[in-house]
Amino acid sequence: MEFTWSKKLLAAAALAVVSITAVSAQTSVEEGKRKVKTKVAPQVPELARRMNITGKVKIEVVIAPDGHVKTSRAVGGHPVLVQTCLDAVKDWKFEPAPEETTQMVEFDFRQQ
């Protein structure tokens, strides 16, 4: 009887460990391009957190001469993670430049 109780306790502890696994996002921007002045971090969607979805999302951004993001589009990544990255990058500000530029931004969602 006590052996069964121990198995149940062990199973419950294992589930608790799985359910508190966190996912975070790290960002990288192409080297040699315009530098980012202001970044907004993407929020990890609750569904991604619950399902432990990780991976990279690549976003192509078109930056206006004044440094605001003119347009953005997803180039790759898990569909659950893409929209949060698009939402975040639209609020980024880059250094001014004489002309419009295009560059890639990569978000890496990892378990902590």
Protein backbone atom coordinates (compact mmCIF):
# COMPACT_ATOMS: atom_id res chain seq x y z
CA MET A 1 0.00 0.00 0.00
CA GLU A 2 2.76 2.48 0.91
CA PHE A 3 4.67 1.60 -2.27
CA THR A 4 1.67 2.69 -4.38
CA TRP A 5 1.43 5.97 -2.46
CA SER A 6 5.15 6.63 -3.13
CA LYS A 7 4.66 6.01 -6.85
CA LYS A 8 1.78 8.48 -6.93
CA LEU A 9 3.82 11.09 -5.07
CA LEU A 10 6.75 10.61 -7.44
CA ALA A 11 4.47 10.95 -10.48
CA ALA A 12 2.92 14.14 -9.08
CA ALA A 13 6.38 15.62 -8.43
CA ALA A 14 7.47 14.80 -12.00
CA LEU A 15 4.38 16.56 -13.40
CA ALA A 16 5.05 19.61 -11.24
CA VAL A 17 8.59 19.88 -12.60
CA VAL A 18 7.33 19.69 -16.20
CA SER A 19 4.62 22.30 -15.62
CA ILE A 20 7.01 24.94 -14.20
CA THR A 21 9.51 24.76 -17.07
CA ALA A 22 9.92 28.30 -18.37
CA VAL A 23 10.57 29.46 -21.91
CA SER A 24 12.41 32.71 -22.63
CA ALA A 25 13.40 34.56 -25.79
CA GLN A 26 16.80 35.90 -26.77
CA THR A 27 17.33 38.25 -29.70
CA SER A 28 20.04 38.69 -32.30
CA VAL A 29 20.30 41.24 -35.09
CA GLU A 30 22.47 40.98 -38.21
CA GLU A 31 25.99 42.28 -37.62
CA GLY A 32 27.17 45.25 -39.66
CA LYS A 33 23.70 46.68 -40.05
CA ARG A 34 21.84 49.43 -38.22
CA LYS A 35 22.02 49.20 -34.46
CA VAL A 36 18.90 48.89 -32.34
CA LYS A 37 18.24 51.86 -30.03
CA THR A 38 15.07 50.51 -28.38
CA LYS A 39 13.99 46.85 -28.15
CA VAL A 40 10.69 45.39 -26.99
CA ALA A 41 10.97 41.75 -25.92
CA PRO A 42 8.37 39.34 -27.26
CA GLN A 43 5.98 37.87 -24.72
CA VAL A 44 6.06 34.08 -24.63
CA PRO A 45 2.51 32.93 -25.48
CA GLU A 46 0.80 30.90 -22.78
CA LEU A 47 0.22 28.05 -25.26
CA ALA A 48 3.96 27.92 -26.04
CA ARG A 49 4.74 27.91 -22.34
CA ARG A 50 2.29 25.08 -21.60
CA MET A 51 3.45 23.00 -24.57
CA ASN A 52 7.17 23.78 -24.03
CA ILE A 53 7.46 25.07 -27.60
CA THR A 54 10.97 26.31 -28.32
CA GLY A 55 12.90 27.30 -31.41
CA LYS A 56 13.95 30.23 -33.52
CA VAL A 57 11.81 32.80 -35.31
CA LYS A 58 13.30 34.90 -38.11
CA ILE A 59 11.74 38.25 -38.95
CA GLU A 60 12.67 40.48 -41.89
CA VAL A 61 12.24 44.15 -41.02
CA VAL A 62 12.22 47.16 -43.31
CA ILE A 63 13.54 50.17 -41.42
CA ALA A 64 12.67 53.73 -42.44
CA PRO A 65 15.42 56.37 -42.57
CA ASP A 66 14.24 57.82 -39.23
CA GLY A 67 14.72 54.42 -37.51
CA HIS A 68 11.15 53.17 -37.06
CA VAL A 69 10.11 49.76 -38.38
CA LYS A 70 8.15 50.33 -41.56
CA THR A 71 7.16 46.72 -42.24
CA SER A 72 7.98 43.26 -40.93
CA ARG A 73 7.33 39.73 -42.11
CA ALA A 74 8.05 36.29 -40.74
CA VAL A 75 10.64 34.33 -42.69
CA GLY A 76 10.57 31.23 -40.47
CA GLY A 77 9.63 29.85 -37.11
CA HIS A 78 6.94 28.02 -35.17
CA PRO A 79 3.49 29.50 -35.92
CA VAL A 80 2.68 29.79 -32.20
CA LEU A 81 5.73 32.04 -31.69
CA VAL A 82 5.64 34.16 -34.88
CA GLN A 83 2.90 36.67 -34.02
CA THR A 84 4.40 37.67 -30.68
CA CYS A 85 7.70 38.41 -32.45
CA LEU A 86 5.97 40.50 -35.13
CA ASP A 87 4.13 42.44 -32.42
CA ALA A 88 7.35 43.12 -30.50
CA VAL A 89 9.54 44.16 -33.43
CA LYS A 90 7.04 46.74 -34.72
CA ASP A 91 7.85 48.86 -31.62
CA TRP A 92 11.64 48.66 -32.08
CA LYS A 93 13.63 51.80 -32.92
CA PHE A 94 16.89 51.74 -34.90
CA GLU A 95 19.57 54.36 -35.42
CA PRO A 96 18.75 56.85 -38.23
CA ALA A 97 20.33 56.33 -41.66
CA PRO A 98 20.28 58.17 -44.98
CA GLU A 99 18.04 55.55 -46.61
CA GLU A 100 15.61 52.71 -45.92
CA THR A 101 17.28 49.40 -45.02
CA THR A 102 16.21 45.78 -44.66
CA GLN A 103 17.66 43.35 -42.16
CA MET A 104 16.94 40.12 -40.32
CA VAL A 105 16.11 39.79 -36.63
CA GLU A 106 16.21 36.37 -34.97
CA PHE A 107 14.43 35.43 -31.75
CA ASP A 108 15.51 32.26 -29.97
CA PHE A 109 12.95 30.77 -27.58
CA ARG A 110 14.66 28.42 -25.12
CA GLN A 111 13.73 26.54 -21.98
CA GLN A 112 15.22 27.93 -18.80
